[in-house]
PDB file of all heavy atoms in Angstrom:
ATOM      1  N   PRO A   1     -15.277   1.803 -22.210  1.00  0.00           N
ATOM      2  CA  PRO A   1     -14.219   0.693 -22.021  1.00  0.00           C
ATOM      3  C   PRO A   1     -12.850   1.248 -21.533  1.00  0.00           C
ATOM      4  O   PRO A   1     -12.310   0.656 -20.638  1.00  0.00           O
ATOM      5  CB  PRO A   1     -14.150   0.064 -23.304  1.00  0.00           C
ATOM      6  CG  PRO A   1     -15.535   0.215 -23.973  1.00  0.00           C
ATOM      7  CD  PRO A   1     -15.894   1.482 -23.558  1.00  0.00           C
ATOM      8  N   ILE A   2     -12.371   2.189 -22.273  1.00  0.00           N
ATOM      9  CA  ILE A   2     -10.967   2.754 -21.870  1.00  0.00           C
ATOM     10  C   ILE A   2     -11.047   3.337 -20.468  1.00  0.00           C
ATOM     11  O   ILE A   2     -10.211   3.089 -19.634  1.00  0.00           O
ATOM     12  CB  ILE A   2     -10.370   3.690 -22.911  1.00  0.00           C
ATOM     13  CG1 ILE A   2     -10.146   2.937 -24.249  1.00  0.00           C
ATOM     14  CG2 ILE A   2      -9.200   4.311 -22.373  1.00  0.00           C
ATOM     15  CD1 ILE A   2      -9.582   3.815 -25.345  1.00  0.00           C
ATOM     16  N   ALA A   3     -12.086   4.148 -20.241  1.00  0.00           N
ATOM     17  CA  ALA A   3     -12.170   4.735 -18.962  1.00  0.00           C
ATOM     18  C   ALA A   3     -12.371   3.746 -17.870  1.00  0.00           C
ATOM     19  O   ALA A   3     -11.703   3.790 -16.753  1.00  0.00           O
ATOM     20  CB  ALA A   3     -13.425   5.769 -18.976  1.00  0.00           C
ATOM     21  N   ALA A   4     -13.084   2.700 -18.147  1.00  0.00           N
ATOM     22  CA  ALA A   4     -13.308   1.617 -17.122  1.00  0.00           C
ATOM     23  C   ALA A   4     -12.017   0.899 -16.859  1.00  0.00           C
ATOM     24  O   ALA A   4     -11.677   0.572 -15.672  1.00  0.00           O
ATOM     25  CB  ALA A   4     -14.266   0.556 -17.683  1.00  0.00           C
ATOM     26  N   SER A   5     -11.121   0.717 -17.880  1.00  0.00           N
ATOM     27  CA  SER A   5      -9.754   0.026 -17.710  1.00  0.00           C
ATOM     28  C   SER A   5      -8.868   1.075 -16.891  1.00  0.00           C
ATOM     29  O   SER A   5      -8.032   0.498 -16.024  1.00  0.00           O
ATOM     30  CB  SER A   5      -9.194  -0.246 -19.042  1.00  0.00           C
ATOM     31  OG  SER A   5      -9.858  -1.166 -19.768  1.00  0.00           O
ATOM     32  N   VAL A   6      -8.977   2.257 -17.153  1.00  0.00           N
ATOM     33  CA  VAL A   6      -8.061   3.306 -16.390  1.00  0.00           C
ATOM     34  C   VAL A   6      -8.580   3.296 -14.980  1.00  0.00           C
ATOM     35  O   VAL A   6      -7.655   3.173 -14.007  1.00  0.00           O
ATOM     36  CB  VAL A   6      -8.205   4.706 -16.902  1.00  0.00           C
ATOM     37  CG1 VAL A   6      -7.553   5.630 -16.031  1.00  0.00           C
ATOM     38  CG2 VAL A   6      -7.606   4.814 -18.351  1.00  0.00           C
ATOM     39  N   LEU A   7      -9.830   3.301 -14.668  1.00  0.00           N
ATOM     40  CA  LEU A   7     -10.260   3.242 -13.273  1.00  0.00           C
ATOM     41  C   LEU A   7      -9.830   1.920 -12.579  1.00  0.00           C
ATOM     42  O   LEU A   7      -9.463   2.006 -11.445  1.00  0.00           O
ATOM     43  CB  LEU A   7     -11.822   3.391 -13.358  1.00  0.00           C
ATOM     44  CG  LEU A   7     -12.492   3.285 -11.927  1.00  0.00           C
ATOM     45  CD1 LEU A   7     -12.029   4.541 -11.078  1.00  0.00           C
ATOM     46  CD2 LEU A   7     -14.007   3.298 -12.034  1.00  0.00           C
ATOM     47  N   ALA A   8      -9.971   0.844 -13.289  1.00  0.00           N
ATOM     48  CA  ALA A   8      -9.539  -0.435 -12.720  1.00  0.00           C
ATOM     49  C   ALA A   8      -8.027  -0.401 -12.461  1.00  0.00           C
ATOM     50  O   ALA A   8      -7.595  -0.931 -11.376  1.00  0.00           O
ATOM     51  CB  ALA A   8      -9.803  -1.519 -13.638  1.00  0.00           C
ATOM     52  N   GLY A   9      -7.151   0.153 -13.286  1.00  0.00           N
ATOM     53  CA  GLY A   9      -5.791   0.214 -13.187  1.00  0.00           C
ATOM     54  C   GLY A   9      -5.371   1.065 -11.994  1.00  0.00           C
ATOM     55  O   GLY A   9      -4.481   0.667 -11.064  1.00  0.00           O
ATOM     56  N   LEU A  10      -6.164   2.173 -11.804  1.00  0.00           N
ATOM     57  CA  LEU A  10      -5.761   2.984 -10.639  1.00  0.00           C
ATOM     58  C   LEU A  10      -6.190   2.462  -9.295  1.00  0.00           C
ATOM     59  O   LEU A  10      -5.565   2.625  -8.306  1.00  0.00           O
ATOM     60  CB  LEU A  10      -6.578   4.395 -10.859  1.00  0.00           C
ATOM     61  CG  LEU A  10      -6.035   5.214 -12.096  1.00  0.00           C
ATOM     62  CD1 LEU A  10      -6.850   6.540 -12.183  1.00  0.00           C
ATOM     63  CD2 LEU A  10      -4.497   5.593 -11.873  1.00  0.00           C
ATOM     64  N   PHE A  11      -7.346   1.784  -9.363  1.00  0.00           N
ATOM     65  CA  PHE A  11      -7.804   1.120  -8.132  1.00  0.00           C
ATOM     66  C   PHE A  11      -6.777   0.078  -7.647  1.00  0.00           C
ATOM     67  O   PHE A  11      -6.461  -0.062  -6.561  1.00  0.00           O
ATOM     68  CB  PHE A  11      -9.133   0.455  -8.363  1.00  0.00           C
ATOM     69  CG  PHE A  11      -9.705  -0.331  -7.165  1.00  0.00           C
ATOM     70  CD1 PHE A  11     -10.376   0.414  -6.081  1.00  0.00           C
ATOM     71  CD2 PHE A  11      -9.435  -1.669  -6.959  1.00  0.00           C
ATOM     72  CE1 PHE A  11     -10.719  -0.342  -4.996  1.00  0.00           C
ATOM     73  CE2 PHE A  11      -9.795  -2.314  -5.818  1.00  0.00           C
ATOM     74  CZ  PHE A  11     -10.536  -1.555  -4.841  1.00  0.00           C
ATOM     75  N   ILE A  12      -6.301  -0.844  -8.663  1.00  0.00           N
ATOM     76  CA  ILE A  12      -5.267  -1.775  -8.414  1.00  0.00           C
ATOM     77  C   ILE A  12      -4.094  -1.162  -7.798  1.00  0.00           C
ATOM     78  O   ILE A  12      -3.454  -1.670  -6.816  1.00  0.00           O
ATOM     79  CB  ILE A  12      -5.026  -2.642  -9.572  1.00  0.00           C
ATOM     80  CG1 ILE A  12      -6.214  -3.409  -9.923  1.00  0.00           C
ATOM     81  CG2 ILE A  12      -3.878  -3.521  -9.345  1.00  0.00           C
ATOM     82  CD1 ILE A  12      -6.189  -4.053 -11.379  1.00  0.00           C
ATOM     83  N   SER A  13      -3.575  -0.113  -8.510  1.00  0.00           N
ATOM     84  CA  SER A  13      -2.341   0.542  -8.028  1.00  0.00           C
ATOM     85  C   SER A  13      -2.574   1.113  -6.624  1.00  0.00           C
ATOM     86  O   SER A  13      -1.629   0.947  -5.807  1.00  0.00           O
ATOM     87  CB  SER A  13      -1.935   1.626  -8.984  1.00  0.00           C
ATOM     88  OG  SER A  13      -1.605   1.045 -10.283  1.00  0.00           O
ATOM     89  N   ALA A  14      -3.591   1.833  -6.422  1.00  0.00           N
ATOM     90  CA  ALA A  14      -3.864   2.483  -5.171  1.00  0.00           C
ATOM     91  C   ALA A  14      -3.999   1.470  -3.903  1.00  0.00           C
ATOM     92  O   ALA A  14      -3.375   1.627  -2.894  1.00  0.00           O
ATOM     93  CB  ALA A  14      -5.086   3.324  -5.160  1.00  0.00           C
ATOM     94  N   PHE A  15      -4.729   0.405  -4.163  1.00  0.00           N
ATOM     95  CA  PHE A  15      -4.915  -0.648  -3.224  1.00  0.00           C
ATOM     96  C   PHE A  15      -3.590  -1.310  -2.920  1.00  0.00           C
ATOM     97  O   PHE A  15      -3.291  -1.727  -1.793  1.00  0.00           O
ATOM     98  CB  PHE A  15      -6.061  -1.611  -3.727  1.00  0.00           C
ATOM     99  CG  PHE A  15      -6.424  -2.562  -2.585  1.00  0.00           C
ATOM    100  CD1 PHE A  15      -7.106  -2.076  -1.507  1.00  0.00           C
ATOM    101  CD2 PHE A  15      -6.004  -3.954  -2.691  1.00  0.00           C
ATOM    102  CE1 PHE A  15      -7.443  -3.088  -0.469  1.00  0.00           C
ATOM    103  CE2 PHE A  15      -6.398  -4.816  -1.670  1.00  0.00           C
ATOM    104  CZ  PHE A  15      -7.091  -4.392  -0.531  1.00  0.00           C
ATOM    105  N   GLY A  16      -2.764  -1.534  -3.971  1.00  0.00           N
ATOM    106  CA  GLY A  16      -1.503  -2.121  -3.905  1.00  0.00           C
ATOM    107  C   GLY A  16      -0.639  -1.356  -2.956  1.00  0.00           C
ATOM    108  O   GLY A  16       0.189  -1.806  -2.142  1.00  0.00           O
ATOM    109  N   ALA A  17      -0.788   0.009  -3.081  1.00  0.00           N
ATOM    110  CA  ALA A  17       0.071   0.992  -2.225  1.00  0.00           C
ATOM    111  C   ALA A  17      -0.378   0.955  -0.844  1.00  0.00           C
ATOM    112  O   ALA A  17       0.536   0.859   0.104  1.00  0.00           O
ATOM    113  CB  ALA A  17      -0.095   2.418  -2.703  1.00  0.00           C
ATOM    114  N   LEU A  18      -1.637   0.591  -0.498  1.00  0.00           N
ATOM    115  CA  LEU A  18      -2.139   0.388   0.853  1.00  0.00           C
ATOM    116  C   LEU A  18      -1.519  -0.824   1.461  1.00  0.00           C
ATOM    117  O   LEU A  18      -1.051  -0.821   2.608  1.00  0.00           O
ATOM    118  CB  LEU A  18      -3.729   0.313   0.808  1.00  0.00           C
ATOM    119  CG  LEU A  18      -4.283   0.060   2.187  1.00  0.00           C
ATOM    120  CD1 LEU A  18      -3.924   1.161   3.215  1.00  0.00           C
ATOM    121  CD2 LEU A  18      -5.847   0.035   2.066  1.00  0.00           C
ATOM    122  N   ILE A  19      -1.579  -1.898   0.740  1.00  0.00           N
ATOM    123  CA  ILE A  19      -0.977  -3.164   1.143  1.00  0.00           C
ATOM    124  C   ILE A  19       0.496  -3.023   1.411  1.00  0.00           C
ATOM    125  O   ILE A  19       1.030  -3.598   2.306  1.00  0.00           O
ATOM    126  CB  ILE A  19      -1.269  -4.340   0.109  1.00  0.00           C
ATOM    127  CG1 ILE A  19      -2.778  -4.588  -0.034  1.00  0.00           C
ATOM    128  CG2 ILE A  19      -0.521  -5.632   0.587  1.00  0.00           C
ATOM    129  CD1 ILE A  19      -3.408  -4.838   1.173  1.00  0.00           C
ATOM    130  N   GLY A  20       1.092  -2.227   0.517  1.00  0.00           N
ATOM    131  CA  GLY A  20       2.558  -1.952   0.634  1.00  0.00           C
ATOM    132  C   GLY A  20       2.874  -1.288   1.923  1.00  0.00           C
ATOM    133  O   GLY A  20       3.873  -1.621   2.642  1.00  0.00           O
ATOM    134  N   ILE A  21       2.176  -0.216   2.345  1.00  0.00           N
ATOM    135  CA  ILE A  21       2.565   0.443   3.600  1.00  0.00           C
ATOM    136  C   ILE A  21       2.251  -0.336   4.854  1.00  0.00           C
ATOM    137  O   ILE A  21       2.963  -0.297   5.759  1.00  0.00           O
ATOM    138  CB  ILE A  21       1.883   1.835   3.627  1.00  0.00           C
ATOM    139  CG1 ILE A  21       0.319   1.751   3.739  1.00  0.00           C
ATOM    140  CG2 ILE A  21       2.357   2.803   2.414  1.00  0.00           C
ATOM    141  CD1 ILE A  21      -0.319   3.082   4.090  1.00  0.00           C
ATOM    142  N   ILE A  22       1.147  -1.069   4.804  1.00  0.00           N
ATOM    143  CA  ILE A  22       0.790  -1.954   5.893  1.00  0.00           C
ATOM    144  C   ILE A  22       1.989  -2.988   6.038  1.00  0.00           C
ATOM    145  O   ILE A  22       2.435  -3.295   7.174  1.00  0.00           O
ATOM    146  CB  ILE A  22      -0.610  -2.716   5.725  1.00  0.00           C
ATOM    147  CG1 ILE A  22      -1.661  -1.573   5.827  1.00  0.00           C
ATOM    148  CG2 ILE A  22      -0.793  -3.688   6.718  1.00  0.00           C
ATOM    149  CD1 ILE A  22      -3.029  -2.083   5.527  1.00  0.00           C
ATOM    150  N   SER A  23       2.332  -3.640   4.885  1.00  0.00           N
ATOM    151  CA  SER A  23       3.451  -4.584   4.894  1.00  0.00           C
ATOM    152  C   SER A  23       4.796  -3.921   5.503  1.00  0.00           C
ATOM    153  O   SER A  23       5.379  -4.672   6.233  1.00  0.00           O
ATOM    154  CB  SER A  23       3.651  -5.180   3.468  1.00  0.00           C
ATOM    155  OG  SER A  23       2.482  -5.870   3.141  1.00  0.00           O
ATOM    156  N   LEU A  24       5.018  -2.739   4.980  1.00  0.00           N
ATOM    157  CA  LEU A  24       6.198  -2.197   5.497  1.00  0.00           C
ATOM    158  C   LEU A  24       6.184  -1.977   7.051  1.00  0.00           C
ATOM    159  O   LEU A  24       7.217  -2.075   7.760  1.00  0.00           O
ATOM    160  CB  LEU A  24       6.462  -0.739   4.803  1.00  0.00           C
ATOM    161  CG  LEU A  24       7.223  -0.678   3.485  1.00  0.00           C
ATOM    162  CD1 LEU A  24       7.420   0.739   3.103  1.00  0.00           C
ATOM    163  CD2 LEU A  24       8.507  -1.385   3.598  1.00  0.00           C
ATOM    164  N   TYR A  25       5.055  -1.558   7.515  1.00  0.00           N
ATOM    165  CA  TYR A  25       4.863  -1.357   8.895  1.00  0.00           C
ATOM    166  C   TYR A  25       5.140  -2.704   9.628  1.00  0.00           C
ATOM    167  O   TYR A  25       5.977  -2.684  10.641  1.00  0.00           O
ATOM    168  CB  TYR A  25       3.509  -0.886   9.204  1.00  0.00           C
ATOM    169  CG  TYR A  25       3.234  -0.655  10.694  1.00  0.00           C
ATOM    170  CD1 TYR A  25       3.507   0.557  11.350  1.00  0.00           C
ATOM    171  CD2 TYR A  25       2.655  -1.713  11.588  1.00  0.00           C
ATOM    172  CE1 TYR A  25       3.307   0.711  12.692  1.00  0.00           C
ATOM    173  CE2 TYR A  25       2.569  -1.631  12.897  1.00  0.00           C
ATOM    174  CZ  TYR A  25       2.791  -0.267  13.389  1.00  0.00           C
ATOM    175  OH  TYR A  25       2.598  -0.244  14.824  1.00  0.00           O
ATOM    176  N   LEU A  26       4.545  -3.688   9.217  1.00  0.00           N
ATOM    177  CA  LEU A  26       4.708  -5.034   9.883  1.00  0.00           C
ATOM    178  C   LEU A  26       6.156  -5.557   9.763  1.00  0.00           C
ATOM    179  O   LEU A  26       6.630  -6.201  10.594  1.00  0.00           O
ATOM    180  CB  LEU A  26       3.740  -6.087   9.212  1.00  0.00           C
ATOM    181  CG  LEU A  26       2.301  -5.731   9.308  1.00  0.00           C
ATOM    182  CD1 LEU A  26       1.439  -6.720   8.587  1.00  0.00           C
ATOM    183  CD2 LEU A  26       1.902  -5.859  10.863  1.00  0.00           C
ATOM    184  N   LEU A  27       6.822  -5.181   8.598  1.00  0.00           N
ATOM    185  CA  LEU A  27       8.214  -5.503   8.453  1.00  0.00           C
ATOM    186  C   LEU A  27       9.044  -4.926   9.353  1.00  0.00           C
ATOM    187  O   LEU A  27      10.131  -5.557   9.786  1.00  0.00           O
ATOM    188  CB  LEU A  27       8.574  -5.246   7.015  1.00  0.00           C
ATOM    189  CG  LEU A  27       9.600  -6.078   6.287  1.00  0.00           C
ATOM    190  CD1 LEU A  27       9.388  -7.536   6.329  1.00  0.00           C
ATOM    191  CD2 LEU A  27       9.782  -5.625   4.779  1.00  0.00           C
ATOM    192  N   PHE A  28       8.918  -3.631   9.699  1.00  0.00           N
ATOM    193  CA  PHE A  28       9.844  -2.882  10.348  1.00  0.00           C
ATOM    194  C   PHE A  28       9.414  -2.605  11.912  1.00  0.00           C
ATOM    195  O   PHE A  28      10.122  -1.965  12.699  1.00  0.00           O
ATOM    196  CB  PHE A  28      10.052  -1.503   9.781  1.00  0.00           C
ATOM    197  CG  PHE A  28      10.609  -1.536   8.374  1.00  0.00           C
ATOM    198  CD1 PHE A  28      10.372  -0.652   7.426  1.00  0.00           C
ATOM    199  CD2 PHE A  28      11.417  -2.639   7.967  1.00  0.00           C
ATOM    200  CE1 PHE A  28      10.925  -0.788   6.186  1.00  0.00           C
ATOM    201  CE2 PHE A  28      11.919  -2.833   6.692  1.00  0.00           C
ATOM    202  CZ  PHE A  28      11.684  -1.802   5.780  1.00  0.00           C
ATOM    203  N   GLU A  29       8.254  -2.936  12.350  1.00  0.00           N
ATOM    204  CA  GLU A  29       7.806  -2.644  13.684  1.00  0.00           C
ATOM    205  C   GLU A  29       8.765  -3.178  14.848  1.00  0.00           C
ATOM    206  O   GLU A  29       8.940  -2.404  15.749  1.00  0.00           O
ATOM    207  CB  GLU A  29       6.385  -3.210  13.935  1.00  0.00           C
ATOM    208  CG  GLU A  29       5.850  -2.702  15.264  1.00  0.00           C
ATOM    209  CD  GLU A  29       4.427  -3.326  15.452  1.00  0.00           C
ATOM    210  OE1 GLU A  29       4.042  -4.363  14.788  1.00  0.00           O
ATOM    211  OE2 GLU A  29       3.607  -2.686  16.278  1.00  0.00           O
ATOM    212  N   ASP A  30       9.298  -4.352  14.656  1.00  0.00           N
ATOM    213  CA  ASP A  30      10.163  -4.869  15.623  1.00  0.00           C
ATOM    214  C   ASP A  30      11.528  -4.201  15.581  1.00  0.00           C
ATOM    215  O   ASP A  30      12.219  -4.204  16.612  1.00  0.00           O
ATOM    216  CB  ASP A  30      10.399  -6.336  15.392  1.00  0.00           C
ATOM    217  CG  ASP A  30      11.066  -6.724  14.143  1.00  0.00           C
ATOM    218  OD1 ASP A  30      10.872  -5.928  13.138  1.00  0.00           O
ATOM    219  OD2 ASP A  30      11.718  -7.679  13.935  1.00  0.00           O
ATOM    220  N   LYS A  31      11.935  -3.587  14.593  1.00  0.00           N
ATOM    221  CA  LYS A  31      13.197  -2.857  14.531  1.00  0.00           C
ATOM    222  C   LYS A  31      13.130  -1.336  14.901  1.00  0.00           C
ATOM    223  O   LYS A  31      14.021  -0.756  15.434  1.00  0.00           O
ATOM    224  CB  LYS A  31      13.897  -3.039  13.147  1.00  0.00           C
ATOM    225  CG  LYS A  31      14.111  -4.375  12.818  1.00  0.00           C
ATOM    226  CD  LYS A  31      14.652  -4.510  11.273  1.00  0.00           C
ATOM    227  CE  LYS A  31      14.981  -5.882  10.888  1.00  0.00           C
ATOM    228  NZ  LYS A  31      13.689  -6.813  10.988  1.00  0.00           N
ATOM    229  N   LEU A  32      12.019  -0.737  14.575  1.00  0.00           N
ATOM    230  CA  LEU A  32      11.856   0.686  14.609  1.00  0.00           C
ATOM    231  C   LEU A  32      10.725   1.176  15.729  1.00  0.00           C
ATOM    232  O   LEU A  32      10.671   2.249  16.026  1.00  0.00           O
ATOM    233  CB  LEU A  32      11.452   1.326  13.318  1.00  0.00           C
ATOM    234  CG  LEU A  32      12.396   1.073  12.113  1.00  0.00           C
ATOM    235  CD1 LEU A  32      11.838   1.673  10.868  1.00  0.00           C
ATOM    236  CD2 LEU A  32      13.821   1.649  12.455  1.00  0.00           C
ATOM    237  N   GLY A  33      10.059   0.173  16.148  1.00  0.00           N
ATOM    238  CA  GLY A  33       8.910   0.426  17.057  1.00  0.00           C
ATOM    239  C   GLY A  33       7.779   0.980  16.286  1.00  0.00           C
ATOM    240  O   GLY A  33       7.917   1.200  15.044  1.00  0.00           O
ATOM    241  N   ALA A  34       6.598   1.126  16.798  1.00  0.00           N
ATOM    242  CA  ALA A  34       5.406   1.548  16.141  1.00  0.00           C
ATOM    243  C   ALA A  34       5.523   2.917  15.446  1.00  0.00           C
ATOM    244  O   ALA A  34       5.193   3.096  14.279  1.00  0.00           O
ATOM    245  CB  ALA A  34       4.128   1.706  17.171  1.00  0.00           C
ATOM    246  N   GLU A  35       6.162   3.928  16.187  1.00  0.00           N
ATOM    247  CA  GLU A  35       6.312   5.179  15.646  1.00  0.00           C
ATOM    248  C   GLU A  35       7.259   5.199  14.419  1.00  0.00           C
ATOM    249  O   GLU A  35       7.080   5.830  13.448  1.00  0.00           O
ATOM    250  CB  GLU A  35       6.862   6.218  16.608  1.00  0.00           C
ATOM    251  CG  GLU A  35       7.031   7.706  16.242  1.00  0.00           C
ATOM    252  CD  GLU A  35       7.640   8.536  17.295  1.00  0.00           C
ATOM    253  OE1 GLU A  35       7.567   8.159  18.517  1.00  0.00           O
ATOM    254  OE2 GLU A  35       7.958   9.676  16.920  1.00  0.00           O
ATOM    255  N   GLY A  36       8.394   4.404  14.592  1.00  0.00           N
ATOM    256  CA  GLY A  36       9.428   4.396  13.483  1.00  0.00           C
ATOM    257  C   GLY A  36       8.918   3.709  12.314  1.00  0.00           C
ATOM    258  O   GLY A  36       9.152   4.132  11.194  1.00  0.00           O
ATOM    259  N   ALA A  37       8.110   2.602  12.471  1.00  0.00           N
ATOM    260  CA  ALA A  37       7.498   1.823  11.368  1.00  0.00           C
ATOM    261  C   ALA A  37       6.498   2.655  10.644  1.00  0.00           C
ATOM    262  O   ALA A  37       6.518   2.663   9.412  1.00  0.00           O
ATOM    263  CB  ALA A  37       6.901   0.592  11.903  1.00  0.00           C
ATOM    264  N   THR A  38       5.760   3.454  11.394  1.00  0.00           N
ATOM    265  CA  THR A  38       4.801   4.380  10.758  1.00  0.00           C
ATOM    266  C   THR A  38       5.477   5.454   9.916  1.00  0.00           C
ATOM    267  O   THR A  38       5.139   5.887   8.832  1.00  0.00           O
ATOM    268  CB  THR A  38       3.913   5.116  11.807  1.00  0.00           C
ATOM    269  OG1 THR A  38       3.151   4.039  12.533  1.00  0.00           O
ATOM    270  CG2 THR A  38       2.846   6.086  11.186  1.00  0.00           C
TER     271      THR A  38
END
């Protein structure tokens, strides 16, 4: 059970980070261009 909860927490955090960088890219692409947003 504890290991399963740790795994779930890490998955949520990691997937959240992915959504975060994609959102940052979309947020800044018009200001920085594709290279700058990346």
